[in-house]
PDB file of N, CA and C in Angstrom:
ATOM      1  N   MET A   1    -103.963 -30.186 -13.207  1.00  0.00           N
ATOM      2  CA  MET A   1    -105.245 -30.832 -12.940  1.00  0.00           C
ATOM      3  C   MET A   1    -106.057 -29.886 -12.055  1.00  0.00           C
ATOM      4  N   ASP A   2    -107.292 -29.581 -12.486  1.00  0.00           N
ATOM      5  CA  ASP A   2    -108.115 -28.661 -11.698  1.00  0.00           C
ATOM      6  C   ASP A   2    -108.805 -29.390 -10.544  1.00  0.00           C
ATOM      7  N   SER A   3    -109.433 -28.629  -9.660  1.00  0.00           N
ATOM      8  CA  SER A   3    -110.034 -29.215  -8.451  1.00  0.00           C
ATOM      9  C   SER A   3    -111.187 -30.165  -8.772  1.00  0.00           C
ATOM     10  N   LYS A   4    -111.930 -29.907  -9.844  1.00  0.00           N
ATOM     11  CA  LYS A   4    -113.026 -30.817 -10.213  1.00  0.00           C
ATOM     12  C   LYS A   4    -112.478 -32.170 -10.657  1.00  0.00           C
ATOM     13  N   SER A   5    -111.391 -32.145 -11.412  1.00  0.00           N
ATOM     14  CA  SER A   5    -110.771 -33.401 -11.855  1.00  0.00           C
ATOM     15  C   SER A   5    -110.226 -34.189 -10.686  1.00  0.00           C
ATOM     16  N   ILE A   6    -109.618 -33.497  -9.736  1.00  0.00           N
ATOM     17  CA  ILE A   6    -109.086 -34.157  -8.540  1.00  0.00           C
ATOM     18  C   ILE A   6    -110.220 -34.769  -7.732  1.00  0.00           C
ATOM     19  N   ALA A   7    -111.309 -34.033  -7.585  1.00  0.00           N
ATOM     20  CA  ALA A   7    -112.460 -34.545  -6.830  1.00  0.00           C
ATOM     21  C   ALA A   7    -113.048 -35.780  -7.518  1.00  0.00           C
ATOM     22  N   ARG A   8    -113.171 -35.729  -8.844  1.00  0.00           N
ATOM     23  CA  ARG A   8    -113.698 -36.883  -9.583  1.00  0.00           C
ATOM     24  C   ARG A   8    -112.784 -38.102  -9.429  1.00  0.00           C
ATOM     25  N   ALA A   9    -111.473 -37.872  -9.511  1.00  0.00           N
ATOM     26  CA  ALA A   9    -110.524 -38.975  -9.355  1.00  0.00           C
ATOM     27  C   ALA A   9    -110.613 -39.569  -7.958  1.00  0.00           C
ATOM     28  N   ALA A  10    -110.733 -38.720  -6.941  1.00  0.00           N
ATOM     29  CA  ALA A  10    -110.840 -39.202  -5.562  1.00  0.00           C
ATOM     30  C   ALA A  10    -112.111 -40.018  -5.369  1.00  0.00           C
ATOM     31  N   ILE A  11    -113.208 -39.571  -5.942  1.00  0.00           N
ATOM     32  CA  ILE A  11    -114.474 -40.314  -5.838  1.00  0.00           C
ATOM     33  C   ILE A  11    -114.359 -41.650  -6.560  1.00  0.00           C
ATOM     34  N   ALA A  12    -113.721 -41.646  -7.737  1.00  0.00           N
ATOM     35  CA  ALA A  12    -113.555 -42.895  -8.483  1.00  0.00           C
ATOM     36  C   ALA A  12    -112.722 -43.899  -7.700  1.00  0.00           C
ATOM     37  N   VAL A  13    -111.642 -43.440  -7.091  1.00  0.00           N
ATOM     38  CA  VAL A  13    -110.799 -44.330  -6.289  1.00  0.00           C
ATOM     39  C   VAL A  13    -111.575 -44.859  -5.096  1.00  0.00           C
ATOM     40  N   ALA A  14    -112.317 -43.978  -4.410  1.00  0.00           N
ATOM     41  CA  ALA A  14    -113.106 -44.405  -3.245  1.00  0.00           C
ATOM     42  C   ALA A  14    -114.139 -45.457  -3.642  1.00  0.00           C
ATOM     43  N   LEU A  15    -114.815 -45.249  -4.762  1.00  0.00           N
ATOM     44  CA  LEU A  15    -115.803 -46.230  -5.228  1.00  0.00           C
ATOM     45  C   LEU A  15    -115.142 -47.550  -5.606  1.00  0.00           C
ATOM     46  N   PHE A  16    -113.989 -47.469  -6.248  1.00  0.00           N
ATOM     47  CA  PHE A  16    -113.257 -48.677  -6.626  1.00  0.00           C
ATOM     48  C   PHE A  16    -112.852 -49.475  -5.393  1.00  0.00           C
ATOM     49  N   VAL A  17    -112.269 -48.787  -4.406  1.00  0.00           N
ATOM     50  CA  VAL A  17    -111.826 -49.463  -3.180  1.00  0.00           C
ATOM     51  C   VAL A  17    -113.022 -50.047  -2.435  1.00  0.00           C
ATOM     52  N   THR A  18    -114.114 -49.303  -2.370  1.00  0.00           N
ATOM     53  CA  THR A  18    -115.310 -49.789  -1.686  1.00  0.00           C
ATOM     54  C   THR A  18    -115.867 -51.027  -2.393  1.00  0.00           C
ATOM     55  N   THR A  19    -115.912 -50.985  -3.712  1.00  0.00           N
ATOM     56  CA  THR A  19    -116.411 -52.125  -4.479  1.00  0.00           C
ATOM     57  C   THR A  19    -115.546 -53.358  -4.254  1.00  0.00           C
ATOM     58  N   ILE A  20    -114.234 -53.171  -4.302  1.00  0.00           N
ATOM     59  CA  ILE A  20    -113.317 -54.294  -4.087  1.00  0.00           C
ATOM     60  C   ILE A  20    -113.474 -54.835  -2.673  1.00  0.00           C
ATOM     61  N   ASN A  21    -113.565 -53.932  -1.697  1.00  0.00           N
ATOM     62  CA  ASN A  21    -113.669 -54.353  -0.293  1.00  0.00           C
ATOM     63  C   ASN A  21    -114.956 -55.135  -0.053  1.00  0.00           C
ATOM     64  N   MET A  22    -116.006 -54.793  -0.753  1.00  0.00           N
ATOM     65  CA  MET A  22    -117.270 -55.508  -0.580  1.00  0.00           C
ATOM     66  C   MET A  22    -117.194 -56.915  -1.156  1.00  0.00           C
ATOM     67  N   GLY A  23    -116.209 -57.152  -2.009  1.00  0.00           N
ATOM     68  CA  GLY A  23    -116.041 -58.481  -2.597  1.00  0.00           C
ATOM     69  C   GLY A  23    -115.662 -59.522  -1.571  1.00  0.00           C
ATOM     70  N   GLY A  24    -115.130 -59.106  -0.434  1.00  0.00           N
ATOM     71  CA  GLY A  24    -114.827 -60.021   0.646  1.00  0.00           C
ATOM     72  C   GLY A  24    -113.524 -60.784   0.498  1.00  0.00           C
ATOM     73  N   CYS A  25    -112.732 -60.480  -0.518  1.00  0.00           N
ATOM     74  CA  CYS A  25    -111.478 -61.222  -0.657  1.00  0.00           C
ATOM     75  C   CYS A  25    -110.463 -60.699   0.356  1.00  0.00           C
ATOM     76  N   ALA A  26    -109.649 -61.593   0.864  1.00  0.00           N
ATOM     77  CA  ALA A  26    -108.686 -61.243   1.908  1.00  0.00           C
ATOM     78  C   ALA A  26    -107.663 -60.227   1.415  1.00  0.00           C
ATOM     79  N   SER A  27    -107.167 -60.392   0.189  1.00  0.00           N
ATOM     80  CA  SER A  27    -106.165 -59.452  -0.309  1.00  0.00           C
ATOM     81  C   SER A  27    -106.751 -58.056  -0.484  1.00  0.00           C
ATOM     82  N   CYS A  28    -108.036 -57.977  -0.828  1.00  0.00           N
ATOM     83  CA  CYS A  28    -108.696 -56.674  -0.951  1.00  0.00           C
ATOM     84  C   CYS A  28    -108.822 -56.010   0.417  1.00  0.00           C
ATOM     85  N   SER A  29    -109.157 -56.779   1.427  1.00  0.00           N
ATOM     86  CA  SER A  29    -109.264 -56.244   2.779  1.00  0.00           C
ATOM     87  C   SER A  29    -107.908 -55.758   3.277  1.00  0.00           C
ATOM     88  N   ARG A  30    -106.843 -56.505   2.986  1.00  0.00           N
ATOM     89  CA  ARG A  30    -105.496 -56.079   3.385  1.00  0.00           C
ATOM     90  C   ARG A  30    -105.111 -54.787   2.685  1.00  0.00           C
ATOM     91  N   PHE A  31    -105.429 -54.702   1.388  1.00  0.00           N
ATOM     92  CA  PHE A  31    -105.122 -53.491   0.629  1.00  0.00           C
ATOM     93  C   PHE A  31    -105.839 -52.288   1.232  1.00  0.00           C
ATOM     94  N   THR A  32    -107.124 -52.439   1.523  1.00  0.00           N
ATOM     95  CA  THR A  32    -107.900 -51.356   2.099  1.00  0.00           C
ATOM     96  C   THR A  32    -107.330 -50.945   3.451  1.00  0.00           C
ATOM     97  N   LYS A  33    -106.944 -51.914   4.273  1.00  0.00           N
ATOM     98  CA  LYS A  33    -106.366 -51.619   5.582  1.00  0.00           C
ATOM     99  C   LYS A  33    -105.029 -50.892   5.428  1.00  0.00           C
ATOM    100  N   SER A  34    -104.222 -51.299   4.444  1.00  0.00           N
ATOM    101  CA  SER A  34    -102.933 -50.651   4.208  1.00  0.00           C
ATOM    102  C   SER A  34    -103.113 -49.201   3.784  1.00  0.00           C
ATOM    103  N   VAL A  35    -104.063 -48.956   2.904  1.00  0.00           N
ATOM    104  CA  VAL A  35    -104.325 -47.579   2.470  1.00  0.00           C
ATOM    105  C   VAL A  35    -104.809 -46.751   3.656  1.00  0.00           C
ATOM    106  N   GLY A  36    -105.695 -47.303   4.463  1.00  0.00           N
ATOM    107  CA  GLY A  36    -106.174 -46.596   5.653  1.00  0.00           C
ATOM    108  C   GLY A  36    -105.048 -46.284   6.620  1.00  0.00           C
ATOM    109  N   SER A  37    -104.125 -47.217   6.782  1.00  0.00           N
ATOM    110  CA  SER A  37    -102.982 -47.003   7.663  1.00  0.00           C
ATOM    111  C   SER A  37    -102.100 -45.883   7.140  1.00  0.00           C
ATOM    112  N   ASP A  38    -101.866 -45.866   5.820  1.00  0.00           N
ATOM    113  CA  ASP A  38    -101.053 -44.814   5.227  1.00  0.00           C
ATOM    114  C   ASP A  38    -101.699 -43.447   5.396  1.00  0.00           C
ATOM    115  N   VAL A  39    -102.993 -43.372   5.161  1.00  0.00           N
ATOM    116  CA  VAL A  39    -103.706 -42.101   5.233  1.00  0.00           C
ATOM    117  C   VAL A  39    -103.803 -41.595   6.669  1.00  0.00           C
ATOM    118  N   ASN A  40    -104.002 -42.492   7.626  1.00  0.00           N
ATOM    119  CA  ASN A  40    -104.218 -42.097   9.015  1.00  0.00           C
ATOM    120  C   ASN A  40    -102.953 -42.083   9.863  1.00  0.00           C
ATOM    121  N   GLY A  41    -101.800 -42.283   9.262  1.00  0.00           N
ATOM    122  CA  GLY A  41    -100.547 -42.226  10.014  1.00  0.00           C
ATOM    123  C   GLY A  41    -100.246 -43.468  10.818  1.00  0.00           C
ATOM    124  N   GLY A  42    -100.848 -44.579  10.466  1.00  0.00           N
ATOM    125  CA  GLY A  42    -100.542 -45.835  11.137  1.00  0.00           C
ATOM    126  C   GLY A  42    -101.749 -46.477  11.776  1.00  0.00           C
ATOM    127  N   MET A  43    -101.475 -47.617  12.425  1.00  0.00           N
ATOM    128  CA  MET A  43    -102.510 -48.368  13.130  1.00  0.00           C
ATOM    129  C   MET A  43    -102.014 -48.627  14.542  1.00  0.00           C
ATOM    130  N   ASP A  44    -102.951 -48.941  15.430  1.00  0.00           N
ATOM    131  CA  ASP A  44    -102.569 -49.284  16.799  1.00  0.00           C
ATOM    132  C   ASP A  44    -101.904 -50.656  16.761  1.00  0.00           C
ATOM    133  N   ARG A  45    -100.571 -50.665  17.005  1.00  0.00           N
ATOM    134  CA  ARG A  45     -99.799 -51.893  16.876  1.00  0.00           C
ATOM    135  C   ARG A  45     -98.822 -52.030  18.033  1.00  0.00           C
ATOM    136  N   THR A  46     -98.353 -53.251  18.212  1.00  0.00           N
ATOM    137  CA  THR A  46     -97.233 -53.536  19.101  1.00  0.00           C
ATOM    138  C   THR A  46     -96.135 -54.145  18.246  1.00  0.00           C
ATOM    139  N   VAL A  47     -94.957 -53.552  18.305  1.00  0.00           N
ATOM    140  CA  VAL A  47     -93.782 -54.049  17.585  1.00  0.00           C
ATOM    141  C   VAL A  47     -92.819 -54.579  18.638  1.00  0.00           C
ATOM    142  N   THR A  48     -92.434 -55.838  18.517  1.00  0.00           N
ATOM    143  CA  THR A  48     -91.516 -56.453  19.472  1.00  0.00           C
ATOM    144  C   THR A  48     -90.274 -56.921  18.718  1.00  0.00           C
ATOM    145  N   LEU A  49     -89.113 -56.588  19.280  1.00  0.00           N
ATOM    146  CA  LEU A  49     -87.831 -56.977  18.709  1.00  0.00           C
ATOM    147  C   LEU A  49     -87.226 -58.077  19.564  1.00  0.00           C
ATOM    148  N   TYR A  50     -86.857 -59.179  18.910  1.00  0.00           N
ATOM    149  CA  TYR A  50     -86.235 -60.319  19.577  1.00  0.00           C
ATOM    150  C   TYR A  50     -84.829 -60.516  19.022  1.00  0.00           C
ATOM    151  N   ASP A  51     -83.920 -61.050  19.853  1.00  0.00           N
ATOM    152  CA  ASP A  51     -82.620 -61.447  19.326  1.00  0.00           C
ATOM    153  C   ASP A  51     -82.788 -62.804  18.644  1.00  0.00           C
ATOM    154  N   TYR A  52     -81.735 -63.306  18.028  1.00  0.00           N
ATOM    155  CA  TYR A  52     -81.843 -64.544  17.257  1.00  0.00           C
ATOM    156  C   TYR A  52     -81.976 -65.793  18.123  1.00  0.00           C
ATOM    157  N   SER A  53     -81.882 -65.624  19.450  1.00  0.00           N
ATOM    158  CA  SER A  53     -82.121 -66.733  20.371  1.00  0.00           C
ATOM    159  C   SER A  53     -83.558 -66.732  20.888  1.00  0.00           C
ATOM    160  N   GLY A  54     -84.335 -65.727  20.494  1.00  0.00           N
ATOM    161  CA  GLY A  54     -85.733 -65.649  20.913  1.00  0.00           C
ATOM    162  C   GLY A  54     -85.963 -64.817  22.159  1.00  0.00           C
ATOM    163  N   ASN A  55     -84.937 -64.131  22.647  1.00  0.00           N
ATOM    164  CA  ASN A  55     -85.091 -63.275  23.827  1.00  0.00           C
ATOM    165  C   ASN A  55     -85.579 -61.896  23.409  1.00  0.00           C
ATOM    166  N   GLU A  56     -86.592 -61.390  24.120  1.00  0.00           N
ATOM    167  CA  GLU A  56     -87.116 -60.073  23.797  1.00  0.00           C
ATOM    168  C   GLU A  56     -86.094 -58.996  24.157  1.00  0.00           C
ATOM    169  N   ILE A  57     -85.856 -58.111  23.206  1.00  0.00           N
ATOM    170  CA  ILE A  57     -84.944 -56.992  23.427  1.00  0.00           C
ATOM    171  C   ILE A  57     -85.723 -55.738  23.811  1.00  0.00           C
ATOM    172  N   ARG A  58     -86.783 -55.444  23.049  1.00  0.00           N
ATOM    173  CA  ARG A  58     -87.554 -54.230  23.289  1.00  0.00           C
ATOM    174  C   ARG A  58     -88.907 -54.360  22.615  1.00  0.00           C
ATOM    175  N   SER A  59     -89.872 -53.573  23.117  1.00  0.00           N
ATOM    176  CA  SER A  59     -91.209 -53.574  22.557  1.00  0.00           C
ATOM    177  C   SER A  59     -91.726 -52.139  22.495  1.00  0.00           C
ATOM    178  N   TRP A  60     -92.484 -51.810  21.447  1.00  0.00           N
ATOM    179  CA  TRP A  60     -93.091 -50.494  21.290  1.00  0.00           C
ATOM    180  C   TRP A  60     -94.576 -50.691  21.014  1.00  0.00           C
ATOM    181  N   THR A  61     -95.409 -49.823  21.569  1.00  0.00           N
ATOM    182  CA  THR A  61     -96.854 -49.879  21.333  1.00  0.00           C
ATOM    183  C   THR A  61     -97.346 -48.470  21.033  1.00  0.00           C
ATOM    184  N   GLY A  62     -98.225 -48.365  20.042  1.00  0.00           N
ATOM    185  CA  GLY A  62     -98.802 -47.073  19.695  1.00  0.00           C
ATOM    186  C   GLY A  62     -99.291 -47.079  18.264  1.00  0.00           C
ATOM    187  N   LYS A  63     -99.601 -45.885  17.778  1.00  0.00           N
ATOM    188  CA  LYS A  63    -100.049 -45.728  16.399  1.00  0.00           C
ATOM    189  C   LYS A  63     -98.801 -45.742  15.522  1.00  0.00           C
ATOM    190  N   ILE A  64     -98.595 -46.843  14.809  1.00  0.00           N
ATOM    191  CA  ILE A  64     -97.345 -47.095  14.099  1.00  0.00           C
ATOM    192  C   ILE A  64     -97.646 -47.408  12.636  1.00  0.00           C
ATOM    193  N   ASP A  65     -96.906 -46.740  11.745  1.00  0.00           N
ATOM    194  CA  ASP A  65     -96.929 -47.040  10.320  1.00  0.00           C
ATOM    195  C   ASP A  65     -95.539 -47.525   9.955  1.00  0.00           C
ATOM    196  N   LEU A  66     -95.413 -48.784   9.623  1.00  0.00           N
ATOM    197  CA  LEU A  66     -94.116 -49.415   9.368  1.00  0.00           C
ATOM    198  C   LEU A  66     -93.671 -49.264   7.919  1.00  0.00           C
ATOM    199  N   ALA A  67     -92.369 -49.240   7.756  1.00  0.00           N
ATOM    200  CA  ALA A  67     -91.746 -49.361   6.438  1.00  0.00           C
ATOM    201  C   ALA A  67     -90.586 -50.329   6.616  1.00  0.00           C
ATOM    202  N   ASP A  68     -90.232 -51.030   5.547  1.00  0.00           N
ATOM    203  CA  ASP A  68     -89.155 -52.004   5.701  1.00  0.00           C
ATOM    204  C   ASP A  68     -88.459 -52.273   4.385  1.00  0.00           C
ATOM    205  N   THR A  69     -87.252 -52.791   4.520  1.00  0.00           N
ATOM    206  CA  THR A  69     -86.504 -53.356   3.410  1.00  0.00           C
ATOM    207  C   THR A  69     -86.091 -54.751   3.855  1.00  0.00           C
ATOM    208  N   ALA A  70     -85.285 -55.423   3.066  1.00  0.00           N
ATOM    209  CA  ALA A  70     -84.822 -56.753   3.448  1.00  0.00           C
ATOM    210  C   ALA A  70     -83.923 -56.700   4.676  1.00  0.00           C
ATOM    211  N   ASP A  71     -83.296 -55.557   4.933  1.00  0.00           N
ATOM    212  CA  ASP A  71     -82.315 -55.440   6.014  1.00  0.00           C
ATOM    213  C   ASP A  71     -82.774 -54.607   7.198  1.00  0.00           C
ATOM    214  N   GLU A  72     -83.889 -53.894   7.082  1.00  0.00           N
ATOM    215  CA  GLU A  72     -84.219 -52.882   8.084  1.00  0.00           C
ATOM    216  C   GLU A  72     -85.725 -52.672   8.191  1.00  0.00           C
ATOM    217  N   VAL A  73     -86.171 -52.339   9.399  1.00  0.00           N
ATOM    218  CA  VAL A  73     -87.548 -51.926   9.661  1.00  0.00           C
ATOM    219  C   VAL A  73     -87.468 -50.569  10.335  1.00  0.00           C
ATOM    220  N   TRP A  74     -88.338 -49.638   9.946  1.00  0.00           N
ATOM    221  CA  TRP A  74     -88.343 -48.355  10.623  1.00  0.00           C
ATOM    222  C   TRP A  74     -89.769 -47.842  10.746  1.00  0.00           C
ATOM    223  N   PHE A  75     -89.965 -46.992  11.777  1.00  0.00           N
ATOM    224  CA  PHE A  75     -91.261 -46.381  12.024  1.00  0.00           C
ATOM    225  C   PHE A  75     -91.060 -45.163  12.913  1.00  0.00           C
ATOM    226  N   ASP A  76     -92.063 -44.298  12.923  1.00  0.00           N
ATOM    227  CA  ASP A  76     -92.071 -43.137  13.807  1.00  0.00           C
ATOM    228  C   ASP A  76     -93.076 -43.399  14.912  1.00  0.00           C
ATOM    229  N   LEU A  77     -92.686 -43.068  16.137  1.00  0.00           N
ATOM    230  CA  LEU A  77     -93.564 -43.227  17.294  1.00  0.00           C
ATOM    231  C   LEU A  77     -93.316 -42.060  18.233  1.00  0.00           C
ATOM    232  N   ASP A  78     -94.375 -41.347  18.570  1.00  0.00           N
ATOM    233  CA  ASP A  78     -94.281 -40.183  19.460  1.00  0.00           C
ATOM    234  C   ASP A  78     -93.251 -39.179  18.957  1.00  0.00           C
ATOM    235  N   GLY A  79     -93.210 -38.973  17.645  1.00  0.00           N
ATOM    236  CA  GLY A  79     -92.320 -37.985  17.061  1.00  0.00           C
ATOM    237  C   GLY A  79     -90.870 -38.411  16.939  1.00  0.00           C
ATOM    238  N   LYS A  80     -90.565 -39.660  17.248  1.00  0.00           N
ATOM    239  CA  LYS A  80     -89.192 -40.143  17.160  1.00  0.00           C
ATOM    240  C   LYS A  80     -89.112 -41.302  16.170  1.00  0.00           C
ATOM    241  N   ARG A  81     -88.034 -41.309  15.388  1.00  0.00           N
ATOM    242  CA  ARG A  81     -87.819 -42.377  14.418  1.00  0.00           C
ATOM    243  C   ARG A  81     -87.135 -43.556  15.101  1.00  0.00           C
ATOM    244  N   VAL A  82     -87.638 -44.746  14.840  1.00  0.00           N
ATOM    245  CA  VAL A  82     -87.036 -45.982  15.345  1.00  0.00           C
ATOM    246  C   VAL A  82     -86.572 -46.783  14.138  1.00  0.00           C
ATOM    247  N   ASN A  83     -85.285 -47.101  14.079  1.00  0.00           N
ATOM    248  CA  ASN A  83     -84.715 -47.956  13.038  1.00  0.00           C
ATOM    249  C   ASN A  83     -84.257 -49.251  13.680  1.00  0.00           C
ATOM    250  N   VAL A  84     -84.656 -50.364  13.093  1.00  0.00           N
ATOM    251  CA  VAL A  84     -84.248 -51.669  13.599  1.00  0.00           C
ATOM    252  C   VAL A  84     -83.453 -52.364  12.501  1.00  0.00           C
ATOM    253  N   ASN A  85     -82.206 -52.663  12.792  1.00  0.00           N
ATOM    254  CA  ASN A  85     -81.326 -53.381  11.857  1.00  0.00           C
ATOM    255  C   ASN A  85     -80.958 -54.705  12.494  1.00  0.00           C
ATOM    256  N   GLY A  86     -81.481 -55.796  11.972  1.00  0.00           N
ATOM    257  CA  GLY A  86     -81.190 -57.100  12.537  1.00  0.00           C
ATOM    258  C   GLY A  86     -82.216 -57.504  13.571  1.00  0.00           C
ATOM    259  N   GLY A  87     -82.076 -58.713  14.054  1.00  0.00           N
ATOM    260  CA  GLY A  87     -83.037 -59.251  15.018  1.00  0.00           C
ATOM    261  C   GLY A  87     -84.278 -59.753  14.320  1.00  0.00           C
ATOM    262  N   ILE A  88     -85.221 -60.171  15.112  1.00  0.00           N
ATOM    263  CA  ILE A  88     -86.507 -60.669  14.612  1.00  0.00           C
ATOM    264  C   ILE A  88     -87.566 -59.680  15.065  1.00  0.00           C
ATOM    265  N   VAL A  89     -88.311 -59.143  14.118  1.00  0.00           N
ATOM    266  CA  VAL A  89     -89.321 -58.134  14.413  1.00  0.00           C
ATOM    267  C   VAL A  89     -90.693 -58.769  14.236  1.00  0.00           C
ATOM    268  N   VAL A  90     -91.510 -58.710  15.290  1.00  0.00           N
ATOM    269  CA  VAL A  90     -92.876 -59.226  15.249  1.00  0.00           C
ATOM    270  C   VAL A  90     -93.804 -58.036  15.419  1.00  0.00           C
ATOM    271  N   VAL A  91     -94.761 -57.893  14.498  1.00  0.00           N
ATOM    272  CA  VAL A  91     -95.709 -56.779  14.522  1.00  0.00           C
ATOM    273  C   VAL A  91     -97.106 -57.354  14.712  1.00  0.00           C
ATOM    274  N   GLU A  92     -97.800 -56.845  15.724  1.00  0.00           N
ATOM    275  CA  GLU A  92     -99.164 -57.302  16.009  1.00  0.00           C
ATOM    276  C   GLU A  92    -100.093 -56.115  16.036  1.00  0.00           C
ATOM    277  N   GLU A  93    -101.244 -56.270  15.401  1.00  0.00           N
ATOM    278  CA  GLU A  93    -102.278 -55.242  15.470  1.00  0.00           C
ATOM    279  C   GLU A  93    -103.024 -55.392  16.786  1.00  0.00           C
ATOM    280  N   ASN A  94    -103.175 -54.296  17.517  1.00  0.00           N
ATOM    281  CA  ASN A  94    -103.896 -54.337  18.798  1.00  0.00           C
ATOM    282  C   ASN A  94    -105.381 -54.241  18.592  1.00  0.00           C
TER     283      ASN A  94
END
């Protein structure tokens, strides 16, 4: 794919996302925010880990881009990888 084709594809995607975002639907706004988070390396968030009794174990704050499976949550913060296996993870956008 040449550079002109890549540029055209990027413009088409940008126009598509902008058009969808202007529609005002909540799922479109979430999609746009997710893409922005992926492109910019995360969002300003606070991640708090609780044990199953509701006691806070640890909290992290910073520019965080999360990934998860059914069993695990992981993210990079300040150049270090954090893996969370188990517990209750609450993520809040600051």
